[in-house]
């Protein structure tokens, strides 16, 4: 962040950056959830084979 920007602009820029990053964060949460479900299903399958 450049020092010559007024404080309000710095805050606004941070909010915009955060808003742009949020969809990616949501996607990561979904993918992690799917990974956990897949791992749980694999454990259950291993138990059935045992």
Protein backbone atom coordinates (compact mmCIF):
# COMPACT_ATOMS: atom_id res chain seq x y z
CA UNK A 1 0.00 0.00 0.00
CA UNK A 2 1.42 3.37 -0.95
CA UNK A 3 1.98 5.81 1.89
CA UNK A 4 0.65 8.81 -0.02
CA UNK A 5 -2.90 7.43 -0.13
CA UNK A 6 -5.38 8.87 2.36
CA UNK A 7 -6.24 6.43 5.15
CA UNK A 8 -9.78 5.92 3.82
CA UNK A 9 -8.44 4.78 0.45
CA UNK A 10 -6.20 2.24 2.15
CA UNK A 11 -9.16 0.82 4.06
CA UNK A 12 -11.32 0.77 0.93
CA UNK A 13 -8.60 -1.01 -1.05
CA UNK A 14 -8.29 -3.63 1.71
CA UNK A 15 -12.06 -4.20 1.65
CA UNK A 16 -12.06 -4.64 -2.14
CA UNK A 17 -9.13 -7.08 -1.95
CA UNK A 18 -10.92 -9.08 0.74
CA UNK A 19 -14.16 -9.14 -1.26
CA UNK A 20 -12.32 -10.39 -4.34
CA UNK A 21 -10.63 -13.14 -2.32
CA UNK A 22 -13.85 -14.37 -0.66
CA UNK A 23 -15.13 -16.54 -3.58
CA UNK A 24 -11.77 -18.34 -3.66
CA UNK A 25 -11.94 -18.90 0.09
CA UNK A 26 -15.45 -20.29 -0.27
CA UNK A 27 -14.26 -22.66 -3.00
CA UNK A 28 -11.39 -23.86 -0.81
CA UNK A 29 -13.86 -24.55 2.02
CA UNK A 30 -16.05 -26.62 -0.33
CA UNK A 31 -13.08 -28.58 -1.67
CA UNK A 32 -11.81 -29.32 1.84
CA UNK A 33 -15.27 -30.49 2.85
CA UNK A 34 -15.46 -32.79 -0.18
CA UNK A 35 -12.01 -34.15 0.63
CA UNK A 36 -13.10 -34.95 4.21
CA UNK A 37 -16.21 -36.71 2.91
CA UNK A 38 -14.17 -38.73 0.42
CA UNK A 39 -11.71 -39.74 3.15
CA UNK A 40 -14.56 -40.76 5.46
CA UNK A 41 -16.14 -42.82 2.67
CA UNK A 42 -12.80 -44.55 2.03
CA UNK A 43 -12.44 -45.41 5.73
CA UNK A 44 -15.98 -46.82 5.75
CA UNK A 45 -15.22 -48.87 2.63
CA UNK A 46 -12.05 -50.26 4.22
CA UNK A 47 -14.05 -51.31 7.27
CA UNK A 48 -16.56 -53.11 5.05
CA UNK A 49 -13.74 -55.00 3.31
CA UNK A 50 -12.20 -55.97 6.63
